[in-house]
N, C-alpha and C. Protein backbone atom coordinates (compact mmCIF):
# COMPACT_ATOMS: atom_id res chain seq x y z
N MET A 1 134.87 171.83 68.57
CA MET A 1 134.57 171.30 67.28
C MET A 1 133.67 170.07 67.44
N LYS A 2 132.59 170.08 66.75
CA LYS A 2 131.65 168.96 66.82
C LYS A 2 132.05 167.87 65.82
N LYS A 3 131.86 166.64 66.27
CA LYS A 3 132.13 165.51 65.38
C LYS A 3 130.90 165.26 64.52
N THR A 4 131.14 164.87 63.29
CA THR A 4 130.01 164.55 62.41
C THR A 4 129.50 163.16 62.77
N ASN A 5 128.42 162.76 62.17
CA ASN A 5 127.84 161.43 62.43
C ASN A 5 128.86 160.35 62.07
N PRO A 6 129.02 159.37 62.94
CA PRO A 6 129.97 158.30 62.64
C PRO A 6 129.51 157.51 61.42
N ALA A 7 130.48 157.02 60.63
CA ALA A 7 130.16 156.24 59.43
C ALA A 7 129.55 154.91 59.86
N SER A 8 128.53 154.52 59.18
CA SER A 8 127.89 153.25 59.50
C SER A 8 128.74 152.10 58.98
N ALA A 9 128.50 150.93 59.48
CA ALA A 9 129.27 149.76 59.08
C ALA A 9 129.00 149.41 57.61
N ASP A 10 127.83 149.75 57.11
CA ASP A 10 127.47 149.47 55.72
C ASP A 10 127.76 150.71 54.89
N ASP A 11 128.85 150.68 54.11
CA ASP A 11 129.25 151.83 53.32
C ASP A 11 128.54 151.90 51.98
N MET A 12 127.77 150.90 51.62
CA MET A 12 127.06 150.90 50.34
C MET A 12 125.86 151.83 50.40
N ARG A 13 125.69 152.51 49.35
CA ARG A 13 124.52 153.37 49.25
C ARG A 13 123.35 152.57 48.70
N ALA A 14 122.19 152.94 49.06
CA ALA A 14 120.98 152.23 48.63
C ALA A 14 120.75 152.37 47.13
N GLU A 15 121.29 153.43 46.52
CA GLU A 15 121.01 153.66 45.09
C GLU A 15 121.88 152.83 44.15
N TYR A 16 122.85 152.06 44.66
CA TYR A 16 123.64 151.22 43.77
C TYR A 16 122.78 150.08 43.24
N ASP A 17 122.77 149.90 41.93
CA ASP A 17 122.01 148.82 41.31
C ASP A 17 122.99 147.91 40.58
N PHE A 18 123.40 146.85 41.22
CA PHE A 18 124.41 145.96 40.65
C PHE A 18 123.88 145.17 39.46
N ALA A 19 122.59 144.97 39.39
CA ALA A 19 122.01 144.22 38.28
C ALA A 19 122.19 144.96 36.96
N SER A 20 122.21 146.29 37.00
CA SER A 20 122.34 147.06 35.76
C SER A 20 123.79 147.29 35.35
N MET A 21 124.76 146.94 36.19
CA MET A 21 126.16 147.14 35.84
C MET A 21 126.62 146.08 34.86
N LYS A 22 127.49 146.47 33.91
CA LYS A 22 128.00 145.55 32.90
C LYS A 22 129.13 144.71 33.49
N GLY A 23 129.20 143.45 33.08
CA GLY A 23 130.30 142.58 33.48
C GLY A 23 130.18 141.98 34.87
N GLY A 24 129.18 142.33 35.58
CA GLY A 24 129.02 141.77 36.92
C GLY A 24 128.45 140.36 36.84
N VAL A 25 129.24 139.39 37.24
CA VAL A 25 128.82 138.00 37.21
C VAL A 25 128.94 137.45 38.62
N ARG A 26 127.87 136.86 39.10
CA ARG A 26 127.88 136.30 40.44
C ARG A 26 128.75 135.03 40.46
N GLY A 27 129.68 134.96 41.38
CA GLY A 27 130.52 133.79 41.55
C GLY A 27 131.54 133.61 40.44
N LYS A 28 132.00 134.68 39.86
CA LYS A 28 132.92 134.62 38.73
C LYS A 28 134.21 133.89 39.09
N TYR A 29 134.75 134.11 40.24
CA TYR A 29 136.02 133.52 40.66
C TYR A 29 135.85 132.43 41.72
N PHE A 30 134.63 131.98 41.91
CA PHE A 30 134.37 131.00 42.95
C PHE A 30 135.14 129.70 42.73
N GLN A 31 135.08 129.16 41.52
CA GLN A 31 135.74 127.88 41.24
C GLN A 31 137.24 127.99 41.40
N ARG A 32 137.84 129.08 40.95
CA ARG A 32 139.29 129.27 41.07
C ARG A 32 139.69 129.34 42.54
N ALA A 33 138.92 130.04 43.33
CA ALA A 33 139.23 130.16 44.75
C ALA A 33 139.05 128.81 45.46
N ARG A 34 138.06 128.07 45.03
CA ARG A 34 137.79 126.77 45.65
C ARG A 34 138.92 125.77 45.36
N GLU A 35 139.48 125.82 44.16
CA GLU A 35 140.56 124.91 43.80
C GLU A 35 141.84 125.22 44.57
N GLY A 36 142.04 126.48 44.94
CA GLY A 36 143.26 126.87 45.63
C GLY A 36 143.26 126.60 47.12
N THR A 37 142.13 126.23 47.68
CA THR A 37 142.05 126.01 49.12
C THR A 37 141.41 124.66 49.42
N ASN A 38 141.74 124.13 50.58
CA ASN A 38 141.14 122.89 51.04
C ASN A 38 141.00 123.01 52.55
N VAL A 39 139.88 123.53 52.98
CA VAL A 39 139.65 123.77 54.40
C VAL A 39 138.68 122.71 54.92
N VAL A 40 139.06 122.10 56.03
CA VAL A 40 138.22 121.08 56.65
C VAL A 40 138.00 121.47 58.10
N LEU A 41 136.77 121.41 58.54
CA LEU A 41 136.46 121.70 59.94
C LEU A 41 136.47 120.40 60.72
N ILE A 42 137.22 120.37 61.81
CA ILE A 42 137.29 119.17 62.62
C ILE A 42 136.70 119.45 64.00
N GLU A 43 136.29 118.40 64.65
CA GLU A 43 135.64 118.53 65.95
C GLU A 43 136.67 118.81 67.05
N PRO A 44 136.24 119.40 68.15
CA PRO A 44 137.17 119.76 69.23
C PRO A 44 137.95 118.58 69.81
N GLU A 45 137.35 117.38 69.86
CA GLU A 45 138.07 116.23 70.40
C GLU A 45 139.27 115.89 69.52
N VAL A 46 139.11 116.09 68.22
CA VAL A 46 140.19 115.78 67.28
C VAL A 46 141.30 116.82 67.42
N THR A 47 140.94 118.06 67.63
CA THR A 47 141.97 119.10 67.78
C THR A 47 142.79 118.87 69.05
N ASP A 48 142.20 118.26 70.06
CA ASP A 48 142.96 117.94 71.27
C ASP A 48 144.01 116.87 70.98
N ALA A 49 143.65 115.89 70.14
CA ALA A 49 144.57 114.80 69.83
C ALA A 49 145.64 115.23 68.83
N PHE A 50 145.30 116.14 67.93
CA PHE A 50 146.22 116.59 66.90
C PHE A 50 146.32 118.11 66.95
N PRO A 51 147.22 118.64 67.76
CA PRO A 51 147.25 120.09 67.98
C PRO A 51 147.81 120.90 66.82
N THR A 52 148.58 120.27 65.92
CA THR A 52 149.18 121.04 64.84
C THR A 52 148.75 120.48 63.49
N GLU A 53 148.93 121.30 62.47
CA GLU A 53 148.61 120.90 61.10
C GLU A 53 149.49 119.71 60.69
N GLN A 54 150.73 119.73 61.11
CA GLN A 54 151.67 118.65 60.77
C GLN A 54 151.22 117.33 61.39
N ALA A 55 150.74 117.36 62.61
CA ALA A 55 150.28 116.14 63.27
C ALA A 55 149.08 115.54 62.55
N VAL A 56 148.17 116.38 62.10
CA VAL A 56 147.01 115.91 61.35
C VAL A 56 147.46 115.28 60.04
N ASN A 57 148.36 115.94 59.33
CA ASN A 57 148.83 115.43 58.05
C ASN A 57 149.55 114.09 58.20
N GLU A 58 150.37 113.95 59.23
CA GLU A 58 151.08 112.68 59.45
C GLU A 58 150.10 111.55 59.76
N ALA A 59 149.08 111.83 60.55
CA ALA A 59 148.08 110.81 60.88
C ALA A 59 147.30 110.39 59.63
N LEU A 60 146.92 111.36 58.82
CA LEU A 60 146.18 111.03 57.60
C LEU A 60 147.04 110.27 56.61
N LYS A 61 148.32 110.60 56.52
CA LYS A 61 149.21 109.85 55.64
C LYS A 61 149.35 108.41 56.11
N GLY A 62 149.37 108.20 57.41
CA GLY A 62 149.42 106.84 57.95
C GLY A 62 148.17 106.05 57.60
N VAL A 63 147.03 106.69 57.68
CA VAL A 63 145.77 106.04 57.31
C VAL A 63 145.78 105.69 55.83
N LEU A 64 146.27 106.60 55.00
CA LEU A 64 146.34 106.33 53.56
C LEU A 64 147.27 105.16 53.25
N ASN A 65 148.42 105.11 53.91
CA ASN A 65 149.35 104.00 53.69
C ASN A 65 148.74 102.67 54.10
N THR A 66 148.01 102.67 55.19
CA THR A 66 147.34 101.45 55.65
C THR A 66 146.28 101.02 54.65
N ALA A 67 145.50 101.98 54.17
CA ALA A 67 144.46 101.67 53.19
C ALA A 67 145.07 101.12 51.90
N ARG A 68 146.19 101.68 51.46
CA ARG A 68 146.86 101.18 50.26
C ARG A 68 147.36 99.74 50.47
N ALA A 69 147.90 99.47 51.65
CA ALA A 69 148.39 98.13 51.95
C ALA A 69 147.25 97.12 51.95
N VAL A 70 146.11 97.50 52.49
CA VAL A 70 144.96 96.61 52.53
C VAL A 70 144.46 96.34 51.12
N ARG A 71 144.39 97.38 50.30
CA ARG A 71 143.90 97.22 48.93
C ARG A 71 144.85 96.39 48.07
N SER A 72 146.15 96.59 48.22
CA SER A 72 147.11 95.90 47.34
C SER A 72 147.32 94.45 47.72
N THR A 73 147.27 94.11 49.00
CA THR A 73 147.56 92.74 49.43
C THR A 73 146.32 91.98 49.83
N GLY A 74 145.20 92.64 49.88
CA GLY A 74 143.98 91.96 50.29
C GLY A 74 143.83 91.93 51.80
N GLY A 75 144.69 92.57 52.51
CA GLY A 75 144.60 92.62 53.97
C GLY A 75 145.96 92.81 54.59
N LEU A 76 145.97 93.15 55.83
CA LEU A 76 147.22 93.33 56.55
C LEU A 76 147.71 91.99 57.09
N PRO A 77 149.01 91.78 57.17
CA PRO A 77 149.51 90.54 57.75
C PRO A 77 149.16 90.50 59.23
N ASN A 78 148.79 89.33 59.69
CA ASN A 78 148.38 89.18 61.09
C ASN A 78 149.44 88.36 61.82
N LYS A 79 150.67 88.81 61.77
CA LYS A 79 151.79 88.07 62.33
C LYS A 79 151.75 87.99 63.85
N ALA A 80 151.16 88.96 64.49
CA ALA A 80 151.17 89.00 65.95
C ALA A 80 150.38 87.84 66.54
N LEU A 81 149.37 87.35 65.84
CA LEU A 81 148.53 86.30 66.39
C LEU A 81 148.97 84.90 65.97
N GLN A 82 149.90 84.79 65.04
CA GLN A 82 150.35 83.48 64.58
C GLN A 82 151.62 83.07 65.31
N PRO A 83 151.75 81.79 65.64
CA PRO A 83 152.99 81.34 66.28
C PRO A 83 154.16 81.47 65.31
N THR A 84 155.36 81.64 65.86
CA THR A 84 156.53 81.84 65.01
C THR A 84 156.93 80.56 64.29
N SER A 85 156.63 79.41 64.85
CA SER A 85 157.01 78.15 64.22
C SER A 85 155.89 77.15 64.43
N ARG A 86 155.66 76.33 63.42
CA ARG A 86 154.61 75.31 63.52
C ARG A 86 155.15 74.00 64.13
N ALA A 87 156.46 73.87 64.24
CA ALA A 87 157.06 72.65 64.78
C ALA A 87 156.73 72.54 66.27
N PRO A 88 156.47 71.31 66.73
CA PRO A 88 156.17 71.16 68.16
C PRO A 88 157.42 71.46 68.99
N ARG A 89 157.19 72.01 70.13
CA ARG A 89 158.30 72.35 71.01
C ARG A 89 158.80 71.12 71.73
N LYS A 90 160.11 71.10 71.96
CA LYS A 90 160.70 69.98 72.70
C LYS A 90 160.42 70.18 74.18
N ALA A 91 160.08 69.10 74.82
CA ALA A 91 159.82 69.16 76.25
C ALA A 91 161.15 69.20 76.99
N LYS A 92 161.22 69.99 78.02
CA LYS A 92 162.44 70.06 78.82
C LYS A 92 162.55 68.81 79.67
N ALA A 93 163.77 68.33 79.79
CA ALA A 93 164.01 67.16 80.64
C ALA A 93 163.80 67.57 82.09
N LYS A 94 163.10 66.73 82.79
CA LYS A 94 162.82 67.05 84.18
C LYS A 94 164.08 66.84 85.01
N GLN A 95 164.38 67.79 85.83
CA GLN A 95 165.55 67.65 86.70
C GLN A 95 165.13 66.90 87.96
N ARG A 96 165.99 66.00 88.32
CA ARG A 96 165.70 65.26 89.55
C ARG A 96 166.13 66.07 90.74
N SER A 97 165.44 65.92 91.80
CA SER A 97 165.80 66.63 93.00
C SER A 97 167.09 66.05 93.58
N ARG A 98 167.75 66.75 94.46
CA ARG A 98 168.99 66.28 95.06
C ARG A 98 168.81 64.98 95.84
N ALA A 99 167.69 64.86 96.46
CA ALA A 99 167.43 63.66 97.24
C ALA A 99 167.31 62.45 96.35
N ALA A 100 166.76 62.60 95.17
CA ALA A 100 166.56 61.47 94.25
C ALA A 100 167.88 61.08 93.57
N ARG A 101 168.84 62.00 93.50
CA ARG A 101 170.11 61.69 92.84
C ARG A 101 170.99 60.81 93.71
N ARG A 102 170.89 60.83 94.96
CA ARG A 102 171.79 60.08 95.85
C ARG A 102 171.42 58.69 96.01
């Protein structure tokens, strides 16, 4: 039994004229599909640092929280660089050596 010609990858016939068909609107559902998805392409270096979707989301939420803190307070507190107390420290009494005590 001989096999017939294999079907080509393009199943459309040349005689189809979509311009003459009624109701055919280009991009009819484009906006609806766009609202339902949010796809972002990231670079390979970023995918190495954030291997899962959850890791990316947690990092972005942290950035958002930081940005909100900066906007609401006018900046982040810089406690790490400020001394804990402005009062001068007391000097330790010098201990005399054993030879000086006798």
